Structures are given as C-alpha cells and as structure tokens.
Amino acid sequence: MTGPIAQEMRQLLTAAFEPTQLDIVNDSARHSGHAGDDGSGESHFTIVIESPRFAGISRLQRQRMVNAALGDIPGNRVHALAIKANAPRE
C-alpha cells in the first residue's frame, strides 16, 4: 500500500514529466529513529524516473526539475529524496 505523500508525488511527477518509467520507493523504514524520521512512515524516498524531457539536460538540472515539480514536499514534508532521473536509452 502506498501512502498519501507517495501518491501525491506520483501524480505530480506524472503530470510534469509524462514518464516512461516511474518508481517511488519508500526508504523510511531503513531510517527509523534517525534524523528526519518523523514517525509518519513517509520521510525518506528514492525516486527513479525516466522521461524524454530529461534529454540533453545535466544531472543537476534534472534533480532541480524533479524537486520543483514536487513543490513543498522535498525538505518540508519529506526529509530526504534520492533522485535518479534519466532520459530514455541512457
């Protein structure tokens, strides 16, 4: 079962990038009791996204695009995001 924050991230990223692949992995259990664990079970995530919109764009810019698409989620409602953003065939 996916929590509300993960569902919201999926909706936002799908709307912004029309991804050919999108995996949102909840890593929160691995960080239980560590800094940033707010007890919600949705504090740490890994996002793997592939979209043609990332073609010709640097890795840093891709991460900025993903963070911008997620609005107030990174650093506000989610403590940590690992982002792996690629264009198709990379």
C-alpha atoms as a PDB file:
ATOM      1  CA  MET A   1       0.000   0.000   0.000  1.00  0.00           C
ATOM      2  CA  THR A   2       1.234   3.455  -0.913  1.00  0.00           C
ATOM      3  CA  GLY A   3       0.872   6.356   1.495  1.00  0.00           C
ATOM      4  CA  PRO A   4      -0.632   9.747   0.656  1.00  0.00           C
ATOM      5  CA  ILE A   5       2.685  11.538   0.124  1.00  0.00           C
ATOM      6  CA  ALA A   6       3.959   8.857  -2.269  1.00  0.00           C
ATOM      7  CA  GLN A   7       0.663   9.015  -4.164  1.00  0.00           C
ATOM      8  CA  GLU A   8       0.884  12.793  -4.405  1.00  0.00           C
ATOM      9  CA  MET A   9       4.477  12.592  -5.650  1.00  0.00           C
ATOM     10  CA  ARG A  10       3.415  10.075  -8.325  1.00  0.00           C
ATOM     11  CA  GLN A  11       0.620  12.382  -9.509  1.00  0.00           C
ATOM     12  CA  LEU A  12       2.849  15.465  -9.621  1.00  0.00           C
ATOM     13  CA  LEU A  13       5.710  13.718 -11.432  1.00  0.00           C
ATOM     14  CA  THR A  14       3.384  12.049 -13.933  1.00  0.00           C
ATOM     15  CA  ALA A  15       1.768  15.394 -14.765  1.00  0.00           C
ATOM     16  CA  ALA A  16       5.099  17.216 -15.076  1.00  0.00           C
ATOM     17  CA  PHE A  17       7.163  14.654 -16.991  1.00  0.00           C
ATOM     18  CA  GLU A  18       4.890  12.024 -18.594  1.00  0.00           C
ATOM     19  CA  PRO A  19       7.498   9.435 -17.558  1.00  0.00           C
ATOM     20  CA  THR A  20       8.207   6.213 -19.407  1.00  0.00           C
ATOM     21  CA  GLN A  21       9.279   4.783 -16.037  1.00  0.00           C
ATOM     22  CA  LEU A  22       8.468   5.957 -12.525  1.00  0.00           C
ATOM     23  CA  ASP A  23       9.341   4.100  -9.347  1.00  0.00           C
ATOM     24  CA  ILE A  24       8.852   5.690  -5.940  1.00  0.00           C
ATOM     25  CA  VAL A  25      10.488   3.617  -3.223  1.00  0.00           C
ATOM     26  CA  ASN A  26       9.710   4.335   0.415  1.00  0.00           C
ATOM     27  CA  ASP A  27      13.010   4.018   2.298  1.00  0.00           C
ATOM     28  CA  SER A  28      11.608   5.336   5.589  1.00  0.00           C
ATOM     29  CA  ALA A  29      11.817   2.037   7.483  1.00  0.00           C
ATOM     30  CA  ARG A  30      15.580   1.954   6.878  1.00  0.00           C
ATOM     31  CA  HIS A  31      15.869   5.336   8.636  1.00  0.00           C
ATOM     32  CA  SER A  32      13.664   4.658  11.645  1.00  0.00           C
ATOM     33  CA  GLY A  33      14.985   6.504  14.663  1.00  0.00           C
ATOM     34  CA  HIS A  34      17.455   8.552  12.597  1.00  0.00           C
ATOM     35  CA  ALA A  35      17.415  12.286  11.978  1.00  0.00           C
ATOM     36  CA  GLY A  36      14.427  13.326   9.940  1.00  0.00           C
ATOM     37  CA  ASP A  37      12.280  10.341  10.901  1.00  0.00           C
ATOM     38  CA  ASP A  38       9.031  11.983  11.882  1.00  0.00           C
ATOM     39  CA  GLY A  39       7.208   8.725  12.587  1.00  0.00           C
ATOM     40  CA  SER A  40       4.896   9.160   9.583  1.00  0.00           C
ATOM     41  CA  GLY A  41       6.433   6.278   7.657  1.00  0.00           C
ATOM     42  CA  GLU A  42       6.906   8.672   4.725  1.00  0.00           C
ATOM     43  CA  SER A  43      10.085  10.598   5.476  1.00  0.00           C
ATOM     44  CA  HIS A  44      12.684   9.101   3.092  1.00  0.00           C
ATOM     45  CA  PHE A  45      12.204   8.139  -0.574  1.00  0.00           C
ATOM     46  CA  THR A  46      14.096   7.124  -3.678  1.00  0.00           C
ATOM     47  CA  ILE A  47      12.625   8.282  -6.983  1.00  0.00           C
ATOM     48  CA  VAL A  48      13.649   6.595 -10.230  1.00  0.00           C
ATOM     49  CA  ILE A  49      12.194   8.451 -13.189  1.00  0.00           C
ATOM     50  CA  GLU A  50      12.763   8.228 -16.921  1.00  0.00           C
ATOM     51  CA  SER A  51      11.347  10.848 -19.270  1.00  0.00           C
ATOM     52  CA  PRO A  52      12.140  12.225 -22.709  1.00  0.00           C
ATOM     53  CA  ARG A  53      12.024  15.665 -21.074  1.00  0.00           C
ATOM     54  CA  PHE A  54      15.416  14.937 -19.480  1.00  0.00           C
ATOM     55  CA  ALA A  55      17.210  14.513 -22.837  1.00  0.00           C
ATOM     56  CA  GLY A  56      20.190  16.834 -23.148  1.00  0.00           C
ATOM     57  CA  ILE A  57      19.842  18.134 -19.591  1.00  0.00           C
ATOM     58  CA  SER A  58      22.506  17.799 -16.883  1.00  0.00           C
ATOM     59  CA  ARG A  59      22.009  15.532 -13.890  1.00  0.00           C
ATOM     60  CA  LEU A  60      21.879  18.530 -11.547  1.00  0.00           C
ATOM     61  CA  GLN A  61      19.254  20.300 -13.662  1.00  0.00           C
ATOM     62  CA  ARG A  62      17.163  17.101 -13.793  1.00  0.00           C
ATOM     63  CA  GLN A  63      17.191  16.908  -9.999  1.00  0.00           C
ATOM     64  CA  ARG A  64      16.190  20.562  -9.777  1.00  0.00           C
ATOM     65  CA  MET A  65      13.311  19.921 -12.204  1.00  0.00           C
ATOM     66  CA  VAL A  66      12.065  16.986 -10.117  1.00  0.00           C
ATOM     67  CA  ASN A  67      12.316  18.967  -6.879  1.00  0.00           C
ATOM     68  CA  ALA A  68      10.472  21.912  -8.471  1.00  0.00           C
ATOM     69  CA  ALA A  69       7.689  19.621  -9.718  1.00  0.00           C
ATOM     70  CA  LEU A  70       7.254  18.281  -6.179  1.00  0.00           C
ATOM     71  CA  GLY A  71       6.642  21.753  -4.725  1.00  0.00           C
ATOM     72  CA  ASP A  72       6.775  21.846  -0.920  1.00  0.00           C
ATOM     73  CA  ILE A  73       7.301  18.102  -0.493  1.00  0.00           C
ATOM     74  CA  PRO A  74      11.148  17.953  -0.548  1.00  0.00           C
ATOM     75  CA  GLY A  75      12.680  19.291   2.651  1.00  0.00           C
ATOM     76  CA  ASN A  76       9.310  20.240   4.073  1.00  0.00           C
ATOM     77  CA  ARG A  77       7.037  17.194   4.165  1.00  0.00           C
ATOM     78  CA  VAL A  78       9.748  14.666   3.244  1.00  0.00           C
ATOM     79  CA  HIS A  79      13.140  14.721   4.938  1.00  0.00           C
ATOM     80  CA  ALA A  80      15.199  13.072   2.182  1.00  0.00           C
ATOM     81  CA  LEU A  81      14.843  12.250  -1.509  1.00  0.00           C
ATOM     82  CA  ALA A  82      17.307  10.323  -3.640  1.00  0.00           C
ATOM     83  CA  ILE A  83      16.595  11.117  -7.282  1.00  0.00           C
ATOM     84  CA  LYS A  84      17.718   9.078 -10.294  1.00  0.00           C
ATOM     85  CA  ALA A  85      16.448  10.890 -13.381  1.00  0.00           C
ATOM     86  CA  ASN A  86      17.284   9.672 -16.883  1.00  0.00           C
ATOM     87  CA  ALA A  87      16.205  10.160 -20.455  1.00  0.00           C
ATOM     88  CA  PRO A  88      15.176   7.021 -22.390  1.00  0.00           C
ATOM     89  CA  ARG A  89      18.079   4.827 -23.559  1.00  0.00           C
ATOM     90  CA  GLU A  90      20.579   6.250 -21.078  1.00  0.00           C
END
